[in-house]
């Protein structure tokens, strides 16, 4: 935490303070950010030091936080967090675990952030490693600091995912090369209401972060091998920071995270991730953001990431939605493709096997995902017969159909009727759309008169069997 810079320090302090304040008067849950857990930890540290002091003296066990206080004072006197840490007294620490404090909470702003920093400081001194602490600390509390720090790290990673939220380096180096662009949209509240209704009825909880949201498994054709699909993860959540809410001065704003390739390193880097916001427009719901290969927290975005969902999908609630995607591949080549989206109650990308999936393995991949979904806490929308009405094989067929970039489904395809047959025996024959289709049927067959058949008995259909990849702007072709 000491490496954080303004204004991120302020947001970290507010994040920790509010996370603990949200639990005042509420029963304990699996979330590490709970004042009851914090209070237990403070008391166990105090009694642990008290036991060390009284051992061999015959005195009664008393609370003592001398080492913790010394470590905390060192932090307060430093420049990093000085203005954000309260002056904690022994009385403050003693009263913290009392019934009134846990039920009503403290009126002093920053008190819970300060108490957490006190625990971290004492933890750094090794007070949690003595024998008394190990004997009295419940097993579920032993990773308290590590679990909280992991949540804080994810929060910081979210802040630093956008250059607009990142502070400049103190020495001014490098950041002069990175510019920032902000774009805003006007939209109709009635359009946002369409999405809000769907969002509220399809919520699920991330069992890793305990954050609720709307999640999809996304599929699109691979550019290099259109017969395979790229499987990725999309999460839509309510924006929590003021900086994320400029689109929603009259209501809630939503943000999205698209995980194409999860971070491979412990510091959250070397992954391919997109971040952005939801823009409800009359022609559809747009998810507009930036995509980058995360080499570091200062990596600028490489391209836009835009999902376009048609509005009927949010009222008809099909098991597989279809949309249009603007993205880029690893070579940085922009592409436009159709995509398929399957709503899921899987809350975290780590619970999915992402990457390329062949047509033969897609049903098994879907089947595995469904098994994971059924093992998670039940969500109301999964109990609807409509949601699980299709088998993995039927879902796979629908996904492949929705993902295929079949050019016939675009409106701009036509053949001018000005081409005549060269063959003297076919003089006067005009090549138009009808005769062109007849020529294709004569060479490749049709459903009624097949000419080619697969081993599984399926008939070759030119438009269905040939997989069309994304449209790109690669001028090297």
Protein backbone atom coordinates (compact mmCIF):
# COMPACT_ATOMS: atom_id res chain seq x y z
CA UNK A 1 0.00 0.00 0.00
CA UNK A 2 2.87 2.38 0.65
CA UNK A 3 3.66 2.60 -3.05
CA UNK A 4 0.29 4.09 -3.95
CA UNK A 5 0.21 7.72 -5.13
CA UNK A 6 -2.33 10.52 -4.97
CA UNK A 7 -5.14 10.47 -5.91
CA UNK A 8 -5.09 6.68 -5.66
CA UNK A 9 -4.15 6.84 -1.97
CA UNK A 10 -7.38 8.68 -1.26
CA UNK A 11 -9.45 6.12 -3.17
CA UNK A 12 -7.73 3.21 -1.40
CA UNK A 13 -8.42 4.76 2.01
CA UNK A 14 -12.07 5.43 1.10
CA UNK A 15 -12.46 1.92 -0.32
CA UNK A 16 -11.22 0.26 2.89
CA UNK A 17 -13.21 2.63 5.13
CA UNK A 18 -16.48 2.06 3.26
CA UNK A 19 -16.02 -1.70 2.99
CA UNK A 20 -15.87 -1.99 6.78
CA UNK A 21 -18.62 0.61 7.36
CA UNK A 22 -20.99 -1.36 5.13
CA UNK A 23 -20.89 -4.21 7.67
CA UNK A 24 -21.86 -2.19 10.77
CA UNK A 25 -24.66 -4.01 12.59
CA UNK A 26 -24.71 -6.82 10.05
CA UNK A 27 -23.93 -10.50 10.68
CA UNK A 28 -20.54 -11.79 9.61
CA UNK A 29 -20.19 -13.33 6.14
CA UNK A 30 -17.37 -14.88 4.15
CA UNK A 31 -16.22 -11.41 3.14
CA UNK A 32 -12.93 -10.57 4.92
CA UNK A 33 -13.98 -6.90 5.11
CA UNK A 34 -16.16 -7.10 8.23
CA UNK A 35 -15.73 -5.02 11.38
CA UNK A 36 -16.31 -8.09 13.58
CA UNK A 37 -13.34 -9.84 11.95
CA UNK A 38 -11.24 -6.68 12.25
CA UNK A 39 -12.19 -6.32 15.93
CA UNK A 40 -11.30 -9.95 16.68
CA UNK A 41 -7.96 -9.52 14.99
CA UNK A 42 -7.19 -6.31 16.94
CA UNK A 43 -8.06 -8.02 20.24
CA UNK A 44 -6.08 -11.18 19.45
CA UNK A 45 -3.03 -9.07 18.63
CA UNK A 46 -3.45 -7.19 21.92
CA UNK A 47 -3.82 -10.31 24.02
CA UNK A 48 -0.91 -11.95 22.21
CA UNK A 49 1.41 -9.09 23.18
CA UNK A 50 -0.12 -9.03 26.67
CA UNK A 51 0.61 -12.73 27.10
CA UNK A 52 4.23 -12.19 26.08
CA UNK A 53 4.57 -9.45 28.73
CA UNK A 54 2.93 -11.30 31.64
CA UNK A 55 4.56 -14.68 31.05
CA UNK A 56 6.43 -15.74 34.16
CA UNK A 57 5.23 -12.77 36.21
CA UNK A 58 2.06 -14.18 37.72
CA UNK A 59 0.08 -11.13 36.57
CA UNK A 60 -3.34 -11.31 34.96
CA UNK A 61 -3.57 -11.28 31.18
CA UNK A 62 -4.13 -7.73 29.90
CA UNK A 63 -4.40 -6.12 26.48
CA UNK A 64 -1.17 -4.57 25.24
CA UNK A 65 -0.41 -3.04 21.87
CA UNK A 66 2.99 -1.43 22.46
CA UNK A 67 4.70 -3.01 19.46
CA UNK A 68 1.66 -2.44 17.28
CA UNK A 69 1.48 1.17 18.39
CA UNK A 70 5.14 1.71 17.66
CA UNK A 71 4.78 0.33 14.14
CA UNK A 72 1.61 2.38 13.61
CA UNK A 73 3.29 5.59 14.81
CA UNK A 74 6.10 5.01 12.33
CA UNK A 75 3.55 4.87 9.53
CA UNK A 76 1.75 7.99 10.78
CA UNK A 77 4.98 9.95 10.92
CA UNK A 78 5.89 9.01 7.36
CA UNK A 79 4.80 11.22 4.49
CA UNK A 80 2.88 8.51 2.60
CA UNK A 81 -0.26 8.07 4.74
CA UNK A 82 0.25 10.78 7.36
CA UNK A 83 -2.84 12.82 6.52
CA UNK A 84 -5.16 9.82 6.38
CA UNK A 85 -4.38 8.00 9.64
CA UNK A 86 -6.14 8.89 12.89
CA UNK A 87 -4.37 9.08 16.26
CA UNK A 88 -5.44 5.73 17.73
CA UNK A 89 -5.23 5.43 21.51
CA UNK A 90 -5.34 2.34 23.68
CA UNK A 91 -8.88 3.37 24.64
CA UNK A 92 -9.88 3.47 20.97
CA UNK A 93 -8.55 -0.05 20.47
CA UNK A 94 -10.21 -1.36 23.63
CA UNK A 95 -13.61 0.12 22.78
CA UNK A 96 -13.52 -1.06 19.18
CA UNK A 97 -14.56 -4.62 20.00
CA UNK A 98 -17.43 -3.54 22.26
CA UNK A 99 -21.05 -4.30 21.43
CA UNK A 100 -22.01 -0.63 20.96
CA UNK A 101 -19.16 -0.03 18.53
CA UNK A 102 -20.02 -3.06 16.42
CA UNK A 103 -23.74 -2.20 16.38
CA UNK A 104 -23.59 1.58 15.88
CA UNK A 105 -20.18 2.15 14.36
CA UNK A 106 -17.74 5.00 14.79
CA UNK A 107 -18.64 8.57 13.85
CA UNK A 108 -14.98 9.38 13.24
CA UNK A 109 -14.19 9.27 9.52
CA UNK A 110 -11.18 7.21 8.63
CA UNK A 111 -11.36 5.21 11.85
CA UNK A 112 -11.75 1.81 10.18
CA UNK A 113 -9.06 2.53 7.64
CA UNK A 114 -6.78 3.52 10.52
CA UNK A 115 -7.65 0.36 12.47
CA UNK A 116 -6.90 -1.78 9.44
CA UNK A 117 -3.54 -0.05 8.94
CA UNK A 118 -2.83 -0.67 12.64
CA UNK A 119 -3.43 -4.39 12.07
CA UNK A 120 -1.19 -4.36 8.99
CA UNK A 121 1.56 -2.58 10.95
CA UNK A 122 1.32 -5.06 13.84
CA UNK A 123 1.22 -7.89 11.34
CA UNK A 124 4.44 -6.60 9.77
CA UNK A 125 6.06 -6.74 13.23
CA UNK A 126 5.23 -10.45 13.39
CA UNK A 127 2.76 -10.29 16.31
CA UNK A 128 0.61 -12.88 14.55
CA UNK A 129 3.42 -15.42 14.66
CA UNK A 130 3.70 -15.94 18.41
CA UNK A 131 2.38 -19.12 19.99
CA UNK A 132 -0.50 -17.50 21.86
CA UNK A 133 -1.92 -15.90 18.68
CA UNK A 134 -1.66 -19.18 16.78
CA UNK A 135 -3.53 -20.94 19.60
CA UNK A 136 -6.44 -18.48 19.84
CA UNK A 137 -6.84 -17.26 16.26
CA UNK A 138 -9.67 -19.10 14.44
CA UNK A 139 -8.54 -20.85 11.28
CA UNK A 140 -10.82 -18.69 9.14
CA UNK A 141 -9.19 -15.48 10.42
CA UNK A 142 -5.56 -16.43 9.89
CA UNK A 143 -5.51 -15.18 6.31
CA UNK A 144 -7.44 -12.00 7.17
CA UNK A 145 -4.69 -9.56 6.13
CA UNK A 146 -3.74 -11.52 3.03
CA UNK A 147 -7.39 -11.77 1.89
CA UNK A 148 -8.00 -8.06 2.45
CA UNK A 149 -4.78 -7.14 0.66
CA UNK A 150 -5.82 -9.30 -2.30
CA UNK A 151 -9.13 -7.42 -2.52
CA UNK A 152 -7.32 -4.08 -2.24
CA UNK A 153 -4.90 -5.15 -4.99
CA UNK A 154 -7.83 -5.95 -7.30
CA UNK A 155 -9.39 -2.59 -6.50
CA UNK A 156 -6.14 -0.79 -7.31
CA UNK A 157 -5.76 -2.83 -10.50
CA UNK A 158 -9.22 -1.62 -11.51
CA UNK A 159 -8.25 1.98 -10.86
CA UNK A 160 -5.08 1.69 -12.88
CA UNK A 161 -6.85 -0.04 -15.75
CA UNK A 162 -7.70 3.38 -17.18
CA UNK A 163 -5.12 6.04 -17.89
CA UNK A 164 -7.77 8.61 -17.02
CA UNK A 165 -7.66 7.41 -13.40
CA UNK A 166 -3.91 7.01 -13.09
CA UNK A 167 -1.87 9.78 -11.46
CA UNK A 168 1.25 11.04 -13.23
CA UNK A 169 4.59 9.76 -12.01
CA UNK A 170 6.13 12.07 -9.43
CA UNK A 171 9.17 12.70 -11.60
CA UNK A 172 7.05 13.35 -14.67
CA UNK A 173 8.87 10.73 -16.74
CA UNK A 174 7.28 8.56 -19.41
CA UNK A 175 3.71 9.82 -18.77
CA UNK A 176 4.33 12.76 -21.09
CA UNK A 177 4.09 10.21 -23.89
CA UNK A 178 0.57 9.10 -22.88
CA UNK A 179 -2.41 11.29 -23.69
CA UNK A 180 -5.98 10.94 -22.49
CA UNK A 181 -9.33 11.21 -24.29
CA UNK A 182 -12.78 11.39 -22.66
CA UNK A 183 -15.96 10.81 -24.66
CA UNK A 184 -19.53 11.31 -23.43
CA UNK A 185 -22.91 10.40 -24.93
CA UNK A 186 -26.46 11.58 -24.51
CA UNK A 187 -28.99 8.76 -24.24
CA UNK A 188 -32.63 8.17 -23.39
CA UNK A 189 -33.45 7.03 -19.87
CA UNK A 190 -36.04 4.67 -21.36
CA UNK A 191 -33.25 2.82 -23.18
CA UNK A 192 -31.23 2.47 -19.98
CA UNK A 193 -34.36 1.15 -18.25
CA UNK A 194 -34.48 -1.77 -20.73
CA UNK A 195 -31.03 -2.87 -19.68
CA UNK A 196 -31.56 -2.21 -15.97
CA UNK A 197 -34.52 -4.62 -15.94
CA UNK A 198 -32.46 -7.37 -17.58
CA UNK A 199 -29.45 -6.66 -15.34
CA UNK A 200 -31.53 -6.89 -12.16
CA UNK A 201 -33.14 -10.17 -13.21
CA UNK A 202 -29.88 -11.89 -14.26
CA UNK A 203 -27.52 -11.01 -11.43
CA UNK A 204 -25.00 -13.48 -10.06
CA UNK A 205 -22.23 -13.20 -7.47
CA UNK A 206 -18.53 -13.60 -7.98
CA UNK A 207 -17.52 -16.17 -5.35
CA UNK A 208 -13.95 -14.77 -5.42
CA UNK A 209 -14.67 -11.04 -4.86
CA UNK A 210 -18.30 -11.28 -3.64
CA UNK A 211 -19.22 -8.67 -6.26
CA UNK A 212 -22.59 -8.97 -7.98
CA UNK A 213 -22.88 -8.46 -11.71
CA UNK A 214 -24.11 -9.68 -15.08
CA UNK A 215 -21.81 -12.16 -16.82
CA UNK A 216 -21.57 -13.69 -20.29
CA UNK A 217 -19.44 -16.29 -21.99
CA UNK A 218 -18.51 -14.72 -25.35
CA UNK A 219 -17.67 -16.58 -28.58
CA UNK A 220 -16.38 -15.22 -31.88
CA UNK A 221 -14.63 -16.83 -34.90
CA UNK A 222 -10.85 -16.87 -34.96
CA UNK A 223 -9.32 -14.82 -37.73
CA UNK A 224 -6.56 -17.37 -38.44
CA UNK A 225 -8.88 -20.37 -38.18
CA UNK A 226 -12.56 -19.42 -38.63
CA UNK A 227 -13.58 -23.04 -37.96
CA UNK A 228 -12.62 -22.46 -34.33
CA UNK A 229 -14.13 -20.01 -31.88
CA UNK A 230 -12.37 -17.78 -29.35
CA UNK A 231 -14.04 -18.13 -25.96
CA UNK A 232 -13.79 -15.17 -23.56
CA UNK A 233 -15.50 -13.75 -20.47
CA UNK A 234 -17.54 -10.55 -20.09
CA UNK A 235 -18.61 -9.05 -16.76
CA UNK A 236 -20.92 -6.03 -16.40
CA UNK A 237 -21.07 -4.32 -13.01
CA UNK A 238 -22.40 -1.16 -11.41
CA UNK A 239 -19.80 1.58 -11.46
CA UNK A 240 -18.77 2.47 -7.91
CA UNK A 241 -16.38 5.41 -8.32
CA UNK A 242 -17.44 8.96 -9.26
CA UNK A 243 -14.97 8.90 -12.13
CA UNK A 244 -16.91 6.03 -13.68
CA UNK A 245 -20.29 7.70 -13.41
CA UNK A 246 -20.14 10.72 -15.68
CA UNK A 247 -22.51 8.96 -18.10
CA UNK A 248 -25.14 8.57 -15.42
CA UNK A 249 -25.78 11.82 -13.60
CA UNK A 250 -29.47 10.90 -13.59
CA UNK A 251 -29.07 7.26 -12.59
CA UNK A 252 -26.68 4.33 -12.16
CA UNK A 253 -23.76 3.82 -14.51
CA UNK A 254 -22.37 0.47 -15.53
CA UNK A 255 -18.85 -0.62 -16.42
CA UNK A 256 -17.63 -3.74 -18.14
CA UNK A 257 -14.53 -5.90 -18.06
CA UNK A 258 -13.79 -8.24 -20.95
CA UNK A 259 -11.22 -10.96 -20.25
CA UNK A 260 -9.80 -12.29 -23.51
CA UNK A 261 -6.69 -13.70 -21.87
CA UNK A 262 -6.45 -13.62 -18.05
CA UNK A 263 -3.34 -12.02 -16.49
CA UNK A 264 -0.62 -14.65 -16.22
CA UNK A 265 1.60 -12.94 -13.65
CA UNK A 266 0.98 -12.39 -9.95
CA UNK A 267 1.04 -8.61 -10.37
CA UNK A 268 -1.92 -8.73 -12.77
CA UNK A 269 0.06 -8.24 -15.97
CA UNK A 270 0.59 -10.14 -19.23
CA UNK A 271 -3.07 -10.60 -19.98
CA UNK A 272 -5.35 -9.24 -22.70
CA UNK A 273 -8.17 -7.29 -21.09
CA UNK A 274 -10.67 -4.58 -22.04
CA UNK A 275 -12.39 -2.06 -19.78
CA UNK A 276 -15.18 0.35 -20.60
CA UNK A 277 -18.70 1.64 -20.04
CA UNK A 278 -22.22 0.91 -21.21
CA UNK A 279 -23.90 3.32 -23.61
CA UNK A 280 -27.63 2.64 -24.21
CA UNK A 281 -28.51 4.08 -27.63
CA UNK A 282 -31.63 3.70 -29.76
CA UNK A 283 -29.96 1.26 -32.18
CA UNK A 284 -28.73 -1.06 -29.45
CA UNK A 285 -26.79 -1.43 -26.22
CA UNK A 286 -23.14 -0.53 -26.81
CA UNK A 287 -20.25 -1.51 -24.57
CA UNK A 288 -17.53 0.98 -25.43
CA UNK A 289 -14.03 0.69 -24.04
CA UNK A 290 -10.35 0.14 -24.67
CA UNK A 291 -8.37 -3.03 -25.21
CA UNK A 292 -4.75 -3.67 -24.35
CA UNK A 293 -2.23 -6.40 -23.73
CA UNK A 294 -1.37 -5.65 -20.11
CA UNK A 295 2.43 -5.55 -20.03
CA UNK A 296 2.36 -3.15 -17.10
CA UNK A 297 -0.08 -0.88 -15.30
CA UNK A 298 1.08 1.96 -17.53
CA UNK A 299 0.39 0.20 -20.82
CA UNK A 300 -1.74 2.47 -23.09
CA UNK A 301 -4.73 1.00 -24.91
CA UNK A 302 -4.00 -0.59 -28.27
CA UNK A 303 -7.49 -0.41 -29.81
CA UNK A 304 -11.16 0.15 -29.17
CA UNK A 305 -13.38 -2.64 -27.93
CA UNK A 306 -17.04 -2.21 -28.84
CA UNK A 307 -19.81 -4.75 -28.28
CA UNK A 308 -23.21 -4.03 -29.82
CA UNK A 309 -26.18 -6.00 -28.44
CA UNK A 310 -29.55 -5.66 -30.22
CA UNK A 311 -32.33 -4.55 -27.87
CA UNK A 312 -34.73 -7.47 -28.64
CA UNK A 313 -32.25 -9.84 -26.96
CA UNK A 314 -32.94 -8.23 -23.58
CA UNK A 315 -36.71 -8.68 -23.84
CA UNK A 316 -36.86 -12.11 -25.51
CA UNK A 317 -34.09 -13.47 -23.25
CA UNK A 318 -32.74 -16.14 -25.62
CA UNK A 319 -30.22 -18.62 -24.22
CA UNK A 320 -27.74 -17.38 -26.82
CA UNK A 321 -27.60 -13.72 -27.82
CA UNK A 322 -26.05 -12.42 -31.01
CA UNK A 323 -24.23 -9.16 -31.60
CA UNK A 324 -21.49 -7.32 -33.45
CA UNK A 325 -17.96 -6.79 -32.14
CA UNK A 326 -15.19 -4.36 -33.01
CA UNK A 327 -11.90 -5.59 -31.62
CA UNK A 328 -8.28 -6.37 -32.55
CA UNK A 329 -6.14 -9.49 -32.64
CA UNK A 330 -2.72 -9.97 -31.04
CA UNK A 331 -1.04 -8.46 -34.11
CA UNK A 332 -3.01 -5.26 -33.48
CA UNK A 333 -5.13 -5.70 -36.61
CA UNK A 334 -8.63 -4.26 -36.17
CA UNK A 335 -11.51 -6.62 -36.94
CA UNK A 336 -15.29 -6.67 -37.04
CA UNK A 337 -17.12 -9.89 -36.33
CA UNK A 338 -20.40 -11.35 -35.24
CA UNK A 339 -20.33 -12.86 -31.77
CA UNK A 340 -22.52 -15.08 -29.60
CA UNK A 341 -23.10 -14.49 -25.89
CA UNK A 342 -24.44 -16.98 -23.34
CA UNK A 343 -25.49 -15.54 -19.98
CA UNK A 344 -23.89 -17.35 -17.04
CA UNK A 345 -23.80 -17.27 -13.25
CA UNK A 346 -20.07 -18.02 -13.30
CA UNK A 347 -18.66 -14.91 -11.66
CA UNK A 348 -14.94 -15.09 -12.39
CA UNK A 349 -12.81 -15.85 -15.44
CA UNK A 350 -10.66 -18.26 -13.39
CA UNK A 351 -13.63 -20.64 -13.30
CA UNK A 352 -13.67 -20.95 -17.11
CA UNK A 353 -11.27 -22.43 -19.62
CA UNK A 354 -10.83 -19.57 -22.07
CA UNK A 355 -9.19 -19.65 -25.49
CA UNK A 356 -9.70 -21.40 -28.82
CA UNK A 357 -12.44 -24.05 -29.01
CA UNK A 358 -13.01 -26.31 -32.03
CA UNK A 359 -16.48 -27.21 -33.31
CA UNK A 360 -15.97 -30.82 -32.16
CA UNK A 361 -15.08 -29.79 -28.60
CA UNK A 362 -17.57 -26.94 -28.16
CA UNK A 363 -20.44 -29.12 -26.78
CA UNK A 364 -18.09 -30.61 -24.16
CA UNK A 365 -16.81 -27.13 -23.27
CA UNK A 366 -20.39 -25.91 -22.76
CA UNK A 367 -21.24 -29.03 -20.77
CA UNK A 368 -18.30 -28.39 -18.43
CA UNK A 369 -19.40 -24.76 -17.94
CA UNK A 370 -22.95 -25.84 -17.13
CA UNK A 371 -21.63 -28.26 -14.49
CA UNK A 372 -19.68 -25.39 -12.91
CA UNK A 373 -22.80 -23.18 -13.01
CA UNK A 374 -24.90 -25.83 -11.26
CA UNK A 375 -22.29 -26.13 -8.52
CA UNK A 376 -22.52 -22.42 -7.68
CA UNK A 377 -25.13 -20.75 -5.44
CA UNK A 378 -28.56 -20.87 -7.06
CA UNK A 379 -29.74 -17.75 -8.86
CA UNK A 380 -33.45 -17.25 -9.64
CA UNK A 381 -33.09 -16.89 -13.41
CA UNK A 382 -31.43 -20.31 -13.74
CA UNK A 383 -34.56 -21.98 -12.35
CA UNK A 384 -36.58 -20.89 -15.36
CA UNK A 385 -37.21 -23.78 -17.74
CA UNK A 386 -36.52 -21.43 -20.63
CA UNK A 387 -32.90 -20.95 -19.62
CA UNK A 388 -31.82 -24.60 -19.66
CA UNK A 389 -34.15 -25.79 -22.43
CA UNK A 390 -31.33 -26.44 -24.94
CA UNK A 391 -28.78 -29.24 -24.72
CA UNK A 392 -25.02 -28.50 -25.01
CA UNK A 393 -25.15 -29.79 -28.60
CA UNK A 394 -28.06 -27.49 -29.46
CA UNK A 395 -26.34 -24.55 -27.78
CA UNK A 396 -23.13 -25.27 -29.72
CA UNK A 397 -25.02 -25.35 -33.02
CA UNK A 398 -26.74 -22.05 -32.22
CA UNK A 399 -23.46 -20.43 -31.13
CA UNK A 400 -21.72 -21.48 -34.36
CA UNK A 401 -24.64 -20.20 -36.41
CA UNK A 402 -24.66 -16.83 -34.62
CA UNK A 403 -20.88 -16.48 -34.91
CA UNK A 404 -20.57 -17.21 -38.61
CA UNK A 405 -19.78 -14.08 -40.61
CA UNK A 406 -21.90 -15.30 -43.53
CA UNK A 407 -21.78 -12.46 -46.11
CA UNK A 408 -25.30 -13.26 -47.36
CA UNK A 409 -26.68 -11.88 -44.12
CA UNK A 410 -25.32 -8.45 -44.95
CA UNK A 411 -27.57 -6.20 -46.99
CA UNK A 412 -24.99 -5.05 -49.53
CA UNK A 413 -24.65 -8.26 -51.56
CA UNK A 414 -25.89 -8.16 -55.15
CA UNK A 415 -24.90 -9.30 -58.65
CA UNK A 416 -25.43 -6.91 -61.56
CA UNK A 417 -27.32 -8.66 -64.35
CA UNK A 418 -24.87 -7.62 -67.05
CA UNK A 419 -22.68 -10.73 -67.25
CA UNK A 420 -23.45 -13.13 -70.11
CA UNK A 421 -22.22 -16.69 -70.57
CA UNK A 422 -19.05 -17.09 -72.67
CA UNK A 423 -19.92 -20.64 -73.76
CA UNK A 424 -21.42 -20.47 -77.30
CA UNK A 425 -23.89 -23.18 -76.29
CA UNK A 426 -25.25 -20.96 -73.50
CA UNK A 427 -25.54 -17.69 -75.40
CA UNK A 428 -28.02 -15.28 -73.85
CA UNK A 429 -27.64 -16.76 -70.36
CA UNK A 430 -27.38 -13.94 -67.82
CA UNK A 431 -25.52 -14.34 -64.50
CA UNK A 432 -27.72 -12.89 -61.82
CA UNK A 433 -28.39 -13.87 -58.21
CA UNK A 434 -30.80 -16.66 -59.17
CA UNK A 435 -28.57 -18.23 -61.83
CA UNK A 436 -25.53 -17.82 -59.61
CA UNK A 437 -27.23 -19.84 -56.87
CA UNK A 438 -28.15 -22.52 -59.41
CA UNK A 439 -24.51 -22.72 -60.48
CA UNK A 440 -23.43 -23.14 -56.87
CA UNK A 441 -26.02 -25.87 -56.33
CA UNK A 442 -24.87 -27.66 -59.48
CA UNK A 443 -21.27 -27.78 -58.24
CA UNK A 444 -21.68 -28.15 -54.47
CA UNK A 445 -25.21 -29.51 -54.13
CA UNK A 446 -28.13 -28.32 -52.07
CA UNK A 447 -30.22 -29.60 -49.18
CA UNK A 448 -32.60 -31.31 -51.61
CA UNK A 449 -29.88 -32.59 -53.94
CA UNK A 450 -26.70 -33.04 -51.89
CA UNK A 451 -23.37 -33.69 -53.58
CA UNK A 452 -21.17 -33.96 -50.47
CA UNK A 453 -21.83 -35.56 -47.10
CA UNK A 454 -19.77 -35.74 -43.86
CA UNK A 455 -19.08 -38.96 -41.98
CA UNK A 456 -21.75 -38.06 -39.44
CA UNK A 457 -24.31 -37.78 -42.25
CA UNK A 458 -24.57 -33.99 -42.30
CA UNK A 459 -24.96 -32.48 -45.77
CA UNK A 460 -22.49 -29.91 -47.08
CA UNK A 461 -24.08 -26.49 -47.26
CA UNK A 462 -21.87 -23.83 -48.80
CA UNK A 463 -22.98 -21.01 -46.47
CA UNK A 464 -23.34 -23.02 -43.28
CA UNK A 465 -20.38 -25.38 -43.64
CA UNK A 466 -17.79 -22.80 -44.72
CA UNK A 467 -16.79 -20.69 -41.77
CA UNK A 468 -16.20 -17.01 -42.45
CA UNK A 469 -13.79 -15.16 -40.19
CA UNK A 470 -13.82 -11.51 -39.07
CA UNK A 471 -13.51 -8.63 -41.49
CA UNK A 472 -10.14 -6.92 -40.93
CA UNK A 473 -8.31 -3.82 -42.09
CA UNK A 474 -5.05 -5.71 -42.71
CA UNK A 475 -3.64 -4.13 -45.88
CA UNK A 476 -0.90 -6.74 -46.05
CA UNK A 477 -3.27 -9.27 -47.62
